[in-house]
């Protein structure tokens, strides 16, 4: 901290990429149940662009205030702890599932986060991997909880090479599920194969229905949709009668399930018990968030331009 200020990417208004500005702002204050994280890596998600344009304004039950700092995921070290926090000490390597309101997000050198939404980084993960992980992995885990499949049952993940999808794929395999992955592009197929999907198709050019029927002749047991499209809706016809499909709130366009399939919409759970279960799954076997490209903080506008391009996995900002 230079004095009590930090470098951050801020919005003084909602708008296009040119609304992002890089400058010094005050370091956020922490309360008794908070920690101050010295952010080294932050995740850049598709929802950041939606939020930057103002589409979340008022959605969190509190007014938007400026300067507005984006960033829901991040990782780094503990810089300070509130008086009631006993789980962390200065210097601990941690990751956080935060939100930009009310005290600012993680596109900044420091972030104030409630300690219950912070965890030590699993030993097998780099700080960069942990920095892009929290919300995507927890949203994927929450979707698997909603579907509540038993080991060896079949799950279609539509959007399996995206941020949520590629992490959900790995968590599903750690839970013993058989995964039919619908990925985007040849690079997406390669990523899903490397991460252990039992069958993979390229949603851009392959016959998804034929491949799904070959994989599960009696119909798939469930689906997790991380993107919405006509193709995603059509793919749901590969589910058996009585199956469930889950999709996080915010997926647009909202999926439409065929007759005989129940669609469940849900929110990702970032509570401490979910974070603890996520960590245990990560420790139990192979798990590696994939960072497609990283950007320095002063390249934040380039990172937001990249959100509109094709990539697999996640994008990251390097703060330190």
Protein backbone atom coordinates (compact mmCIF):
# COMPACT_ATOMS: atom_id res chain seq x y z
CA UNK A 1 0.00 0.00 0.00
CA UNK A 2 1.31 3.39 -0.99
CA UNK A 3 0.03 5.24 2.04
CA UNK A 4 -3.54 4.04 2.21
CA UNK A 5 -4.19 3.83 -1.52
CA UNK A 6 -4.05 1.02 -4.07
CA UNK A 7 -4.08 0.59 -7.82
CA UNK A 8 -7.40 -0.63 -9.19
CA UNK A 9 -9.43 -0.88 -12.38
CA UNK A 10 -12.53 1.20 -11.69
CA UNK A 11 -15.77 2.32 -13.26
CA UNK A 12 -17.07 5.83 -12.72
CA UNK A 13 -20.09 4.95 -14.84
CA UNK A 14 -21.50 1.82 -16.42
CA UNK A 15 -20.77 1.38 -20.10
CA UNK A 16 -18.46 -0.15 -22.67
CA UNK A 17 -14.88 -1.24 -22.31
CA UNK A 18 -13.77 2.39 -22.44
CA UNK A 19 -15.55 2.95 -19.10
CA UNK A 20 -12.75 1.04 -17.34
CA UNK A 21 -10.15 3.34 -15.80
CA UNK A 22 -6.92 2.47 -14.01
CA UNK A 23 -6.02 4.69 -11.05
CA UNK A 24 -5.33 4.87 -7.31
CA UNK A 25 -8.25 4.65 -4.89
CA UNK A 26 -8.44 4.14 -1.11
CA UNK A 27 -7.76 0.68 0.28
CA UNK A 28 -11.09 -0.70 1.59
CA UNK A 29 -11.58 -0.84 5.34
CA UNK A 30 -12.28 -4.18 7.02
CA UNK A 31 -14.73 -5.00 9.78
CA UNK A 32 -14.25 -7.45 12.67
CA UNK A 33 -15.29 -10.48 10.58
CA UNK A 34 -13.38 -9.55 7.43
CA UNK A 35 -9.93 -10.06 5.99
CA UNK A 36 -7.92 -7.82 3.70
CA UNK A 37 -6.50 -9.81 0.81
CA UNK A 38 -3.43 -8.63 -1.06
CA UNK A 39 -4.67 -9.71 -4.47
CA UNK A 40 -2.17 -11.38 -6.79
CA UNK A 41 -4.58 -12.87 -9.35
CA UNK A 42 -8.22 -12.13 -10.17
CA UNK A 43 -10.61 -14.02 -12.41
CA UNK A 44 -12.20 -12.30 -15.40
CA UNK A 45 -15.65 -13.74 -16.13
CA UNK A 46 -18.26 -13.21 -18.81
CA UNK A 47 -20.57 -11.74 -16.16
CA UNK A 48 -18.00 -8.96 -15.57
CA UNK A 49 -18.86 -7.51 -18.98
CA UNK A 50 -22.58 -7.73 -18.22
CA UNK A 51 -21.99 -6.00 -14.90
CA UNK A 52 -19.74 -3.36 -16.49
CA UNK A 53 -22.62 -2.44 -18.83
CA UNK A 54 -24.93 -1.87 -15.85
CA UNK A 55 -27.22 -4.87 -16.24
CA UNK A 56 -26.72 -5.87 -12.57
CA UNK A 57 -27.52 -2.39 -11.30
CA UNK A 58 -29.88 -2.86 -8.35
CA UNK A 59 -29.82 -6.64 -8.62
CA UNK A 60 -28.04 -7.15 -5.30
CA UNK A 61 -30.52 -5.25 -3.17
CA UNK A 62 -28.23 -2.26 -2.67
CA UNK A 63 -27.45 0.84 -4.71
CA UNK A 64 -24.46 0.85 -7.03
CA UNK A 65 -21.76 3.26 -5.86
CA UNK A 66 -18.81 4.69 -7.75
CA UNK A 67 -15.93 4.21 -8.13
CA UNK A 68 -17.14 0.67 -8.82
CA UNK A 69 -14.53 -2.13 -8.79
CA UNK A 70 -15.39 -5.34 -10.65
CA UNK A 71 -14.14 -8.81 -9.75
CA UNK A 72 -15.79 -11.77 -8.06
CA UNK A 73 -12.85 -14.20 -7.84
CA UNK A 74 -9.32 -13.71 -6.61
CA UNK A 75 -6.38 -15.11 -4.72
CA UNK A 76 -3.33 -13.80 -2.93
CA UNK A 77 -2.19 -13.44 0.67
CA UNK A 78 -3.75 -12.16 3.87
CA UNK A 79 -2.63 -8.59 4.51
CA UNK A 80 -4.74 -7.98 7.64
CA UNK A 81 -7.50 -9.62 9.66
CA UNK A 82 -10.49 -8.27 11.55
CA UNK A 83 -10.55 -8.51 15.31
CA UNK A 84 -12.90 -11.52 15.38
CA UNK A 85 -11.07 -13.54 12.71
CA UNK A 86 -9.04 -16.48 14.05
CA UNK A 87 -8.76 -18.80 11.03
CA UNK A 88 -6.21 -16.73 9.13
CA UNK A 89 -2.93 -14.98 9.83
CA UNK A 90 -0.97 -12.44 7.86
CA UNK A 91 0.78 -14.05 4.90
CA UNK A 92 -1.58 -17.02 4.46
CA UNK A 93 -2.17 -18.00 0.81
CA UNK A 94 -5.92 -17.69 0.22
CA UNK A 95 -8.61 -17.53 -2.43
CA UNK A 96 -11.90 -15.68 -2.18
CA UNK A 97 -15.44 -15.79 -3.54
CA UNK A 98 -16.42 -12.14 -3.21
CA UNK A 99 -18.68 -9.65 -4.96
CA UNK A 100 -18.17 -6.05 -6.05
CA UNK A 101 -20.77 -4.54 -3.72
CA UNK A 102 -20.70 -2.98 -1.24
CA UNK A 103 -16.92 -2.60 -0.75
CA UNK A 104 -15.45 -3.29 -4.18
CA UNK A 105 -14.30 -6.36 -6.06
CA UNK A 106 -10.97 -7.97 -6.84
CA UNK A 107 -9.76 -5.96 -9.84
CA UNK A 108 -7.59 -4.19 -7.28
CA UNK A 109 -4.37 -4.65 -5.33
CA UNK A 110 -6.34 -5.16 -2.10
CA UNK A 111 -9.85 -6.45 -1.39
CA UNK A 112 -11.94 -6.62 1.77
CA UNK A 113 -13.81 -9.93 1.97
CA UNK A 114 -15.89 -11.57 4.70
CA UNK A 115 -13.71 -14.30 6.20
CA UNK A 116 -16.45 -16.91 5.71
CA UNK A 117 -16.00 -16.58 1.93
CA UNK A 118 -12.22 -17.05 2.06
CA UNK A 119 -10.20 -20.25 2.16
CA UNK A 120 -6.62 -21.41 2.25
CA UNK A 121 -5.49 -22.40 -1.25
CA UNK A 122 -5.30 -26.18 -1.74
CA UNK A 123 -1.65 -27.22 -1.95
CA UNK A 124 -1.90 -28.60 -5.48
CA UNK A 125 -3.10 -25.31 -6.97
CA UNK A 126 -1.06 -22.29 -8.00
CA UNK A 127 -2.19 -18.86 -6.88
CA UNK A 128 -3.11 -18.11 -10.50
CA UNK A 129 -5.36 -21.19 -10.71
CA UNK A 130 -6.97 -20.39 -7.36
CA UNK A 131 -7.53 -16.80 -8.46
CA UNK A 132 -9.91 -17.80 -11.25
CA UNK A 133 -11.60 -20.67 -9.46
CA UNK A 134 -13.96 -19.75 -6.66
CA UNK A 135 -17.31 -18.77 -8.17
CA UNK A 136 -17.05 -21.07 -11.21
CA UNK A 137 -16.12 -24.12 -9.16
CA UNK A 138 -18.69 -23.41 -6.45
CA UNK A 139 -21.40 -22.82 -9.07
CA UNK A 140 -20.49 -26.12 -10.74
CA UNK A 141 -20.53 -27.89 -7.38
CA UNK A 142 -23.93 -26.39 -6.51
CA UNK A 143 -25.31 -27.67 -9.81
CA UNK A 144 -24.06 -31.17 -9.07
CA UNK A 145 -25.69 -30.94 -5.64
CA UNK A 146 -29.01 -29.99 -7.23
CA UNK A 147 -28.86 -32.96 -9.62
CA UNK A 148 -27.75 -35.33 -6.82
CA UNK A 149 -26.58 -38.13 -9.13
CA UNK A 150 -25.13 -41.40 -7.93
CA UNK A 151 -21.72 -42.69 -8.98
CA UNK A 152 -21.72 -44.15 -12.52
CA UNK A 153 -24.86 -42.24 -13.57
CA UNK A 154 -24.59 -40.16 -16.73
CA UNK A 155 -24.35 -36.38 -16.90
CA UNK A 156 -24.26 -34.11 -19.92
CA UNK A 157 -22.34 -30.87 -19.38
CA UNK A 158 -23.23 -28.36 -22.10
CA UNK A 159 -20.53 -25.70 -22.18
CA UNK A 160 -17.93 -28.12 -20.83
CA UNK A 161 -14.94 -26.09 -22.00
CA UNK A 162 -16.08 -22.82 -20.41
CA UNK A 163 -15.25 -21.47 -16.97
CA UNK A 164 -17.99 -23.20 -14.98
CA UNK A 165 -18.20 -26.17 -17.33
CA UNK A 166 -14.58 -27.30 -17.27
CA UNK A 167 -14.49 -27.15 -13.48
CA UNK A 168 -17.87 -28.91 -13.13
CA UNK A 169 -16.56 -31.64 -15.43
CA UNK A 170 -13.65 -32.34 -13.11
CA UNK A 171 -15.81 -32.24 -9.98
CA UNK A 172 -18.31 -34.62 -11.61
CA UNK A 173 -15.52 -37.09 -12.35
CA UNK A 174 -14.30 -36.82 -8.75
CA UNK A 175 -17.85 -37.79 -7.71
CA UNK A 176 -17.73 -40.87 -9.93
CA UNK A 177 -20.10 -39.71 -12.66
CA UNK A 178 -19.90 -40.61 -16.34
CA UNK A 179 -19.63 -37.33 -18.23
CA UNK A 180 -20.82 -36.58 -21.75
CA UNK A 181 -19.22 -33.22 -22.55
CA UNK A 182 -20.40 -30.76 -25.18
CA UNK A 183 -17.48 -28.39 -25.75
CA UNK A 184 -16.85 -25.41 -28.02
CA UNK A 185 -14.29 -25.76 -30.80
CA UNK A 186 -11.48 -28.23 -31.32
CA UNK A 187 -9.51 -26.66 -28.46
CA UNK A 188 -12.53 -27.09 -26.19
CA UNK A 189 -12.80 -30.76 -27.16
CA UNK A 190 -9.11 -31.24 -26.41
CA UNK A 191 -9.49 -29.60 -22.99
CA UNK A 192 -12.53 -31.71 -22.05
CA UNK A 193 -10.73 -34.88 -23.14
CA UNK A 194 -7.65 -33.96 -21.11
CA UNK A 195 -9.82 -33.33 -18.04
CA UNK A 196 -11.31 -36.82 -18.17
CA UNK A 197 -14.68 -36.58 -19.93
CA UNK A 198 -15.94 -40.04 -20.91
CA UNK A 199 -17.18 -38.74 -24.28
CA UNK A 200 -16.76 -35.34 -25.92
CA UNK A 201 -18.40 -33.65 -28.89
CA UNK A 202 -17.79 -30.31 -30.55
CA UNK A 203 -21.08 -28.46 -30.15
CA UNK A 204 -20.21 -26.24 -33.10
CA UNK A 205 -20.09 -28.98 -35.71
CA UNK A 206 -20.80 -32.49 -34.35
CA UNK A 207 -24.12 -34.34 -34.19
CA UNK A 208 -24.72 -33.98 -30.47
CA UNK A 209 -27.88 -36.09 -30.40
CA UNK A 210 -26.31 -39.03 -32.23
CA UNK A 211 -23.28 -38.99 -29.96
CA UNK A 212 -25.44 -38.73 -26.84
CA UNK A 213 -27.59 -41.69 -27.89
CA UNK A 214 -24.47 -43.75 -28.57
CA UNK A 215 -23.16 -42.84 -25.11
CA UNK A 216 -26.46 -43.44 -23.26
CA UNK A 217 -28.93 -45.42 -25.43
CA UNK A 218 -31.66 -45.21 -22.77
CA UNK A 219 -31.17 -41.49 -22.30
CA UNK A 220 -28.85 -39.41 -20.14
CA UNK A 221 -29.67 -39.18 -16.44
CA UNK A 222 -29.15 -35.42 -16.10
CA UNK A 223 -27.68 -32.30 -17.66
CA UNK A 224 -25.85 -29.23 -16.42
CA UNK A 225 -26.20 -26.29 -18.80
CA UNK A 226 -23.67 -23.51 -18.34
CA UNK A 227 -24.72 -21.67 -21.52
CA UNK A 228 -28.09 -21.08 -23.14
CA UNK A 229 -28.84 -21.51 -26.84
CA UNK A 230 -31.12 -23.29 -29.26
CA UNK A 231 -28.45 -25.99 -29.48
CA UNK A 232 -28.50 -26.43 -25.70
CA UNK A 233 -32.28 -26.76 -25.72
CA UNK A 234 -32.10 -29.34 -28.51
CA UNK A 235 -29.48 -31.33 -26.62
CA UNK A 236 -31.86 -31.76 -23.69
CA UNK A 237 -33.85 -34.16 -25.84
CA UNK A 238 -31.08 -36.67 -25.17
CA UNK A 239 -32.20 -36.95 -21.53
CA UNK A 240 -34.41 -39.80 -20.39
CA UNK A 241 -37.98 -39.13 -19.31
CA UNK A 242 -37.98 -38.02 -15.67
CA UNK A 243 -34.45 -36.62 -15.84
CA UNK A 244 -33.41 -33.24 -14.42
CA UNK A 245 -31.47 -30.41 -16.01
CA UNK A 246 -29.84 -27.70 -13.91
CA UNK A 247 -28.69 -24.25 -14.98
CA UNK A 248 -27.36 -21.33 -12.93
CA UNK A 249 -29.47 -18.19 -12.68
CA UNK A 250 -28.18 -15.65 -15.17
CA UNK A 251 -27.63 -18.05 -18.08
CA UNK A 252 -29.12 -16.35 -21.12
CA UNK A 253 -31.17 -17.10 -23.03
CA UNK A 254 -32.90 -19.09 -20.31
CA UNK A 255 -32.96 -22.78 -21.28
CA UNK A 256 -36.23 -24.47 -22.25
CA UNK A 257 -36.64 -28.11 -21.25
CA UNK A 258 -38.61 -30.59 -23.36
CA UNK A 259 -41.62 -32.47 -22.01
CA UNK A 260 -40.59 -35.05 -19.44
CA UNK A 261 -37.48 -33.16 -18.28
CA UNK A 262 -37.49 -30.94 -15.19
CA UNK A 263 -35.43 -27.75 -15.40
CA UNK A 264 -34.04 -26.43 -12.11
CA UNK A 265 -32.44 -22.99 -11.85
CA UNK A 266 -30.09 -22.34 -8.95
CA UNK A 267 -27.53 -19.98 -7.45
CA UNK A 268 -23.96 -20.93 -6.60
CA UNK A 269 -23.41 -21.40 -2.86
CA UNK A 270 -20.28 -19.69 -1.52
CA UNK A 271 -20.91 -20.54 2.12
CA UNK A 272 -18.09 -21.97 4.22
CA UNK A 273 -19.47 -25.58 4.16
CA UNK A 274 -19.53 -25.53 0.34
CA UNK A 275 -16.00 -24.14 0.18
CA UNK A 276 -14.85 -26.88 2.55
CA UNK A 277 -16.48 -29.58 0.41
CA UNK A 278 -14.92 -28.08 -2.71
CA UNK A 279 -11.48 -28.18 -1.13
CA UNK A 280 -11.93 -31.81 -0.09
CA UNK A 281 -12.92 -32.79 -3.62
CA UNK A 282 -9.93 -30.93 -5.04
CA UNK A 283 -7.63 -32.72 -2.62
CA UNK A 284 -9.13 -36.13 -3.50
CA UNK A 285 -7.94 -36.32 -7.09
CA UNK A 286 -7.04 -34.49 -10.31
CA UNK A 287 -8.31 -30.93 -10.50
CA UNK A 288 -6.77 -27.99 -12.36
CA UNK A 289 -8.50 -24.76 -13.37
CA UNK A 290 -7.40 -23.89 -16.90
CA UNK A 291 -6.22 -20.32 -17.54
CA UNK A 292 -6.43 -19.58 -21.25
CA UNK A 293 -4.76 -16.19 -21.06
CA UNK A 294 -3.57 -13.77 -18.39
CA UNK A 295 -3.31 -9.99 -18.49
CA UNK A 296 -1.56 -7.40 -16.36
CA UNK A 297 -3.86 -4.99 -14.53
CA UNK A 298 -3.00 -2.23 -16.99
CA UNK A 299 -4.27 -4.56 -19.75
CA UNK A 300 -7.74 -4.83 -18.22
CA UNK A 301 -9.39 -3.41 -21.34
CA UNK A 302 -7.67 -6.09 -23.44
CA UNK A 303 -8.97 -8.71 -21.02
CA UNK A 304 -12.52 -7.43 -21.51
CA UNK A 305 -12.10 -7.47 -25.27
CA UNK A 306 -10.97 -11.09 -24.96
CA UNK A 307 -14.23 -11.93 -23.19
CA UNK A 308 -16.00 -11.43 -26.51
CA UNK A 309 -13.63 -13.79 -28.35
CA UNK A 310 -13.39 -17.57 -28.37
CA UNK A 311 -11.35 -19.05 -25.53
CA UNK A 312 -11.55 -22.07 -23.27
CA UNK A 313 -11.35 -22.14 -19.48
CA UNK A 314 -10.84 -18.79 -17.78
CA UNK A 315 -9.14 -15.43 -18.24
CA UNK A 316 -7.05 -13.91 -15.46
CA UNK A 317 -5.72 -10.56 -14.28
CA UNK A 318 -2.28 -10.40 -12.66
CA UNK A 319 -2.27 -7.75 -9.94
CA UNK A 320 1.16 -8.22 -8.37
